[in-house]
Amino acid sequence: MHIRIEDTVEVLTGDERGSRGRVLRVDHSTGKVLVEGVNRVYKHVRRSQRNPQGGRLSREMPVFLSNVMLVCQECDVATRTGVRTDNDGSKHRYCKKCGKAIGQIAPPKNR
């Protein structure tokens, strides 16, 4: 998975198509990401001591990973990513449109 927490992503399909948001959580087992401000639903809550008034709470729900695309900070476009290996053995993500490095994936290997 090339999407990590704190990345900015753009939604490709669905009602929220074209909207951008920050990734709050990534679930590797189900292949879903939680994006800030995207796919909001209402959760109906009964009155209790924790929530004395009850009512409807608005919260984000996860989106499938295949429905979002990483936004490059340099060219400000939703883009595919690739992996490059440096001479010291470290791996970096990079933007396939502009070629700029996005972030480190793996530290250098000790030889």
N, C-alpha and C. Protein backbone atom coordinates (compact mmCIF):
# COMPACT_ATOMS: atom_id res chain seq x y z
N MET A 1 0.83 -1.18 0.00
CA MET A 1 0.00 0.00 0.00
C MET A 1 0.88 1.25 0.00
N HIS A 2 0.56 2.15 -0.90
CA HIS A 2 1.36 3.36 -1.02
C HIS A 2 0.72 4.55 -0.35
N ILE A 3 -0.39 4.35 0.34
CA ILE A 3 -1.05 5.45 1.04
C ILE A 3 -0.82 5.27 2.53
N ARG A 4 -0.42 6.35 3.19
CA ARG A 4 -0.11 6.32 4.61
C ARG A 4 -0.91 7.39 5.35
N ILE A 5 -0.86 7.32 6.67
CA ILE A 5 -1.54 8.32 7.50
C ILE A 5 -0.91 9.69 7.24
N GLU A 6 -1.75 10.73 7.25
CA GLU A 6 -1.38 12.13 7.02
C GLU A 6 -1.15 12.46 5.55
N ASP A 7 -1.35 11.52 4.62
CA ASP A 7 -1.28 11.83 3.20
C ASP A 7 -2.55 12.55 2.77
N THR A 8 -2.48 13.32 1.72
CA THR A 8 -3.66 13.94 1.13
C THR A 8 -4.07 13.09 -0.06
N VAL A 9 -5.35 12.71 -0.10
CA VAL A 9 -5.85 11.87 -1.18
C VAL A 9 -7.06 12.53 -1.83
N GLU A 10 -7.35 12.09 -3.06
CA GLU A 10 -8.51 12.56 -3.79
C GLU A 10 -9.40 11.36 -4.07
N VAL A 11 -10.71 11.53 -3.86
CA VAL A 11 -11.67 10.45 -4.08
C VAL A 11 -11.98 10.37 -5.57
N LEU A 12 -11.93 9.14 -6.14
CA LEU A 12 -12.10 8.94 -7.57
C LEU A 12 -13.53 8.58 -7.96
N THR A 13 -14.28 7.90 -7.08
CA THR A 13 -15.61 7.43 -7.43
C THR A 13 -16.60 7.72 -6.32
N GLY A 14 -17.88 7.60 -6.65
CA GLY A 14 -18.93 7.74 -5.65
C GLY A 14 -19.45 9.16 -5.54
N ASP A 15 -20.25 9.38 -4.49
CA ASP A 15 -20.87 10.69 -4.28
C ASP A 15 -19.84 11.76 -3.96
N GLU A 16 -18.74 11.38 -3.36
CA GLU A 16 -17.72 12.33 -2.93
C GLU A 16 -16.63 12.52 -3.98
N ARG A 17 -16.89 12.15 -5.23
CA ARG A 17 -15.89 12.21 -6.29
C ARG A 17 -15.31 13.60 -6.44
N GLY A 18 -13.98 13.67 -6.49
CA GLY A 18 -13.29 14.94 -6.67
C GLY A 18 -12.92 15.64 -5.38
N SER A 19 -13.45 15.19 -4.26
CA SER A 19 -13.12 15.86 -3.00
C SER A 19 -11.79 15.33 -2.46
N ARG A 20 -11.09 16.20 -1.76
CA ARG A 20 -9.79 15.85 -1.19
C ARG A 20 -9.87 15.89 0.32
N GLY A 21 -9.03 15.07 0.94
CA GLY A 21 -8.99 15.05 2.39
C GLY A 21 -7.73 14.38 2.89
N ARG A 22 -7.52 14.50 4.20
CA ARG A 22 -6.34 13.94 4.85
C ARG A 22 -6.68 12.55 5.37
N VAL A 23 -5.75 11.61 5.23
CA VAL A 23 -5.98 10.24 5.68
C VAL A 23 -5.80 10.19 7.20
N LEU A 24 -6.84 9.71 7.90
CA LEU A 24 -6.79 9.60 9.35
C LEU A 24 -6.38 8.21 9.81
N ARG A 25 -6.78 7.17 9.06
CA ARG A 25 -6.48 5.80 9.46
C ARG A 25 -6.43 4.93 8.22
N VAL A 26 -5.53 3.92 8.23
CA VAL A 26 -5.42 2.95 7.14
C VAL A 26 -5.61 1.56 7.75
N ASP A 27 -6.54 0.79 7.18
CA ASP A 27 -6.78 -0.57 7.64
C ASP A 27 -6.28 -1.53 6.56
N HIS A 28 -5.13 -2.15 6.81
CA HIS A 28 -4.51 -3.02 5.82
C HIS A 28 -5.29 -4.31 5.61
N SER A 29 -5.94 -4.82 6.65
CA SER A 29 -6.63 -6.10 6.53
C SER A 29 -7.87 -6.01 5.63
N THR A 30 -8.60 -4.90 5.68
CA THR A 30 -9.80 -4.75 4.86
C THR A 30 -9.55 -3.92 3.60
N GLY A 31 -8.40 -3.26 3.50
CA GLY A 31 -8.09 -2.45 2.33
C GLY A 31 -8.89 -1.17 2.28
N LYS A 32 -9.12 -0.55 3.45
CA LYS A 32 -9.90 0.68 3.51
C LYS A 32 -9.11 1.79 4.20
N VAL A 33 -9.47 3.04 3.88
CA VAL A 33 -8.86 4.20 4.51
C VAL A 33 -9.97 5.11 5.03
N LEU A 34 -9.68 5.80 6.11
CA LEU A 34 -10.61 6.77 6.68
C LEU A 34 -10.09 8.15 6.31
N VAL A 35 -10.89 8.89 5.54
CA VAL A 35 -10.48 10.19 5.02
C VAL A 35 -11.30 11.27 5.71
N GLU A 36 -10.62 12.32 6.14
CA GLU A 36 -11.26 13.41 6.87
C GLU A 36 -12.26 14.15 5.98
N GLY A 37 -13.53 14.22 6.44
CA GLY A 37 -14.55 14.97 5.74
C GLY A 37 -15.18 14.25 4.56
N VAL A 38 -14.87 12.98 4.35
CA VAL A 38 -15.38 12.24 3.20
C VAL A 38 -16.23 11.07 3.69
N ASN A 39 -17.32 10.76 2.99
CA ASN A 39 -18.20 9.64 3.29
C ASN A 39 -18.81 9.77 4.68
N ARG A 40 -19.39 10.94 4.97
CA ARG A 40 -19.99 11.18 6.27
C ARG A 40 -21.38 10.55 6.33
N VAL A 41 -21.68 9.94 7.46
CA VAL A 41 -22.99 9.33 7.70
C VAL A 41 -23.49 9.78 9.06
N TYR A 42 -24.80 9.59 9.30
CA TYR A 42 -25.37 9.90 10.60
C TYR A 42 -25.50 8.63 11.41
N LYS A 43 -25.03 8.67 12.64
CA LYS A 43 -25.20 7.56 13.57
C LYS A 43 -26.21 8.02 14.61
N HIS A 44 -27.30 7.28 14.72
CA HIS A 44 -28.34 7.63 15.67
C HIS A 44 -27.96 7.08 17.04
N VAL A 45 -27.98 7.96 18.04
CA VAL A 45 -27.50 7.60 19.38
C VAL A 45 -28.64 7.76 20.38
N ARG A 46 -28.83 6.72 21.19
CA ARG A 46 -29.85 6.75 22.24
C ARG A 46 -29.34 7.59 23.41
N ARG A 47 -30.25 8.18 24.17
CA ARG A 47 -29.85 8.95 25.34
C ARG A 47 -29.18 8.04 26.37
N SER A 48 -28.10 8.53 26.96
CA SER A 48 -27.39 7.77 28.00
C SER A 48 -26.64 8.77 28.88
N GLN A 49 -25.93 8.26 29.87
CA GLN A 49 -25.15 9.16 30.71
C GLN A 49 -24.01 9.78 29.91
N ARG A 50 -23.46 9.03 29.01
CA ARG A 50 -22.36 9.55 28.19
C ARG A 50 -22.85 10.60 27.21
N ASN A 51 -24.03 10.37 26.63
CA ASN A 51 -24.61 11.31 25.68
C ASN A 51 -26.04 11.63 26.16
N PRO A 52 -26.19 12.60 27.09
CA PRO A 52 -27.49 12.83 27.73
C PRO A 52 -28.59 13.30 26.79
N GLN A 53 -28.25 13.96 25.71
CA GLN A 53 -29.28 14.47 24.83
C GLN A 53 -29.66 13.47 23.74
N GLY A 54 -28.72 12.59 23.34
CA GLY A 54 -28.99 11.66 22.25
C GLY A 54 -29.03 12.39 20.93
N GLY A 55 -29.56 11.77 19.91
CA GLY A 55 -29.71 12.42 18.61
C GLY A 55 -28.85 11.78 17.54
N ARG A 56 -28.48 12.59 16.55
CA ARG A 56 -27.72 12.11 15.41
C ARG A 56 -26.31 12.66 15.45
N LEU A 57 -25.32 11.77 15.35
CA LEU A 57 -23.92 12.17 15.28
C LEU A 57 -23.42 11.95 13.86
N SER A 58 -22.74 12.92 13.30
CA SER A 58 -22.17 12.79 11.97
C SER A 58 -20.73 12.32 12.10
N ARG A 59 -20.38 11.26 11.37
CA ARG A 59 -19.02 10.74 11.44
C ARG A 59 -18.61 10.18 10.09
N GLU A 60 -17.29 10.08 9.88
CA GLU A 60 -16.76 9.55 8.63
C GLU A 60 -16.75 8.03 8.67
N MET A 61 -16.96 7.41 7.52
CA MET A 61 -16.87 5.98 7.38
C MET A 61 -15.74 5.67 6.39
N PRO A 62 -15.14 4.47 6.49
CA PRO A 62 -14.01 4.14 5.62
C PRO A 62 -14.41 4.05 4.14
N VAL A 63 -13.42 4.29 3.29
CA VAL A 63 -13.56 4.22 1.85
C VAL A 63 -12.58 3.16 1.36
N PHE A 64 -12.95 2.40 0.32
CA PHE A 64 -12.03 1.42 -0.23
C PHE A 64 -10.80 2.11 -0.80
N LEU A 65 -9.66 1.46 -0.63
CA LEU A 65 -8.38 2.01 -1.05
C LEU A 65 -8.32 2.24 -2.56
N SER A 66 -9.03 1.40 -3.33
CA SER A 66 -9.00 1.53 -4.78
C SER A 66 -9.77 2.75 -5.26
N ASN A 67 -10.56 3.37 -4.38
CA ASN A 67 -11.36 4.53 -4.77
C ASN A 67 -10.70 5.85 -4.44
N VAL A 68 -9.48 5.83 -3.94
CA VAL A 68 -8.75 7.07 -3.65
C VAL A 68 -7.39 7.04 -4.34
N MET A 69 -6.86 8.24 -4.58
CA MET A 69 -5.55 8.36 -5.22
C MET A 69 -4.75 9.43 -4.50
N LEU A 70 -3.48 9.18 -4.30
CA LEU A 70 -2.60 10.09 -3.59
C LEU A 70 -2.42 11.39 -4.38
N VAL A 71 -2.40 12.52 -3.68
CA VAL A 71 -2.17 13.83 -4.29
C VAL A 71 -0.74 14.23 -4.02
N CYS A 72 0.01 14.51 -5.09
CA CYS A 72 1.40 14.95 -4.97
C CYS A 72 1.44 16.38 -4.46
N GLN A 73 2.30 16.65 -3.48
CA GLN A 73 2.39 18.00 -2.91
C GLN A 73 3.10 18.96 -3.86
N GLU A 74 3.97 18.46 -4.72
CA GLU A 74 4.73 19.33 -5.63
C GLU A 74 3.86 19.81 -6.80
N CYS A 75 3.22 18.86 -7.51
CA CYS A 75 2.45 19.25 -8.69
C CYS A 75 0.96 19.41 -8.40
N ASP A 76 0.50 19.10 -7.18
CA ASP A 76 -0.88 19.28 -6.73
C ASP A 76 -1.89 18.57 -7.64
N VAL A 77 -1.53 17.34 -8.05
CA VAL A 77 -2.37 16.54 -8.92
C VAL A 77 -2.47 15.14 -8.33
N ALA A 78 -3.64 14.50 -8.46
CA ALA A 78 -3.78 13.11 -8.03
C ALA A 78 -2.97 12.25 -8.99
N THR A 79 -2.10 11.43 -8.45
CA THR A 79 -1.15 10.71 -9.28
C THR A 79 -0.90 9.30 -8.76
N ARG A 80 -0.41 8.46 -9.64
CA ARG A 80 0.04 7.14 -9.23
C ARG A 80 1.42 7.29 -8.60
N THR A 81 1.80 6.32 -7.79
CA THR A 81 3.10 6.38 -7.14
C THR A 81 3.92 5.16 -7.52
N GLY A 82 5.22 5.31 -7.40
CA GLY A 82 6.15 4.21 -7.64
C GLY A 82 7.13 4.14 -6.50
N VAL A 83 7.99 3.13 -6.54
CA VAL A 83 8.99 2.93 -5.51
C VAL A 83 10.37 2.95 -6.15
N ARG A 84 11.26 3.72 -5.57
CA ARG A 84 12.66 3.77 -6.01
C ARG A 84 13.55 3.27 -4.90
N THR A 85 14.62 2.60 -5.27
CA THR A 85 15.61 2.15 -4.30
C THR A 85 16.88 2.97 -4.51
N ASP A 86 17.36 3.58 -3.44
CA ASP A 86 18.59 4.37 -3.51
C ASP A 86 19.81 3.47 -3.45
N ASN A 87 20.97 4.07 -3.60
CA ASN A 87 22.23 3.31 -3.55
C ASN A 87 22.47 2.70 -2.17
N ASP A 88 21.99 3.35 -1.11
CA ASP A 88 22.20 2.82 0.24
C ASP A 88 21.17 1.76 0.62
N GLY A 89 20.21 1.48 -0.25
CA GLY A 89 19.23 0.43 0.01
C GLY A 89 17.92 0.93 0.55
N SER A 90 17.76 2.23 0.77
CA SER A 90 16.49 2.76 1.27
C SER A 90 15.49 2.88 0.12
N LYS A 91 14.20 2.75 0.46
CA LYS A 91 13.15 2.84 -0.55
C LYS A 91 12.35 4.11 -0.33
N HIS A 92 11.98 4.76 -1.42
CA HIS A 92 11.22 6.01 -1.39
C HIS A 92 10.03 5.91 -2.34
N ARG A 93 8.91 6.55 -1.95
CA ARG A 93 7.79 6.71 -2.87
C ARG A 93 8.09 7.91 -3.75
N TYR A 94 7.61 7.86 -5.00
CA TYR A 94 7.78 9.03 -5.87
C TYR A 94 6.56 9.20 -6.76
N CYS A 95 6.33 10.43 -7.17
CA CYS A 95 5.23 10.78 -8.05
C CYS A 95 5.57 10.38 -9.47
N LYS A 96 4.68 9.68 -10.16
CA LYS A 96 4.95 9.24 -11.52
C LYS A 96 4.76 10.35 -12.54
N LYS A 97 4.15 11.48 -12.13
CA LYS A 97 3.95 12.58 -13.07
C LYS A 97 5.13 13.54 -13.07
N CYS A 98 5.58 13.95 -11.88
CA CYS A 98 6.66 14.93 -11.83
C CYS A 98 8.00 14.30 -11.42
N GLY A 99 7.97 13.10 -10.85
CA GLY A 99 9.20 12.40 -10.49
C GLY A 99 9.78 12.79 -9.14
N LYS A 100 9.12 13.65 -8.38
CA LYS A 100 9.62 14.07 -7.07
C LYS A 100 9.39 13.00 -6.02
N ALA A 101 10.29 12.91 -5.06
CA ALA A 101 10.15 11.95 -3.96
C ALA A 101 9.06 12.42 -3.01
N ILE A 102 8.22 11.48 -2.55
CA ILE A 102 7.12 11.82 -1.65
C ILE A 102 7.47 11.49 -0.21
N GLY A 103 8.12 10.36 0.02
CA GLY A 103 8.47 9.99 1.38
C GLY A 103 9.18 8.66 1.41
N GLN A 104 9.85 8.40 2.52
CA GLN A 104 10.63 7.17 2.66
C GLN A 104 9.71 6.03 3.11
N ILE A 105 9.90 4.85 2.51
CA ILE A 105 9.14 3.66 2.89
C ILE A 105 9.94 2.77 3.81
N ALA A 106 11.20 2.52 3.44
CA ALA A 106 12.05 1.62 4.23
C ALA A 106 13.40 2.29 4.47
N PRO A 107 13.97 2.09 5.66
CA PRO A 107 15.27 2.70 5.97
C PRO A 107 16.40 2.01 5.20
N PRO A 108 17.59 2.61 5.20
CA PRO A 108 18.73 2.00 4.51
C PRO A 108 19.07 0.65 5.10
N LYS A 109 19.56 -0.23 4.23
CA LYS A 109 19.97 -1.55 4.70
C LYS A 109 21.40 -1.49 5.19
N ASN A 110 21.67 -2.17 6.29
CA ASN A 110 23.03 -2.21 6.82
C ASN A 110 23.81 -3.30 6.10
N ARG A 111 24.98 -2.94 5.62
CA ARG A 111 25.81 -3.92 4.91
C ARG A 111 27.09 -4.15 5.65
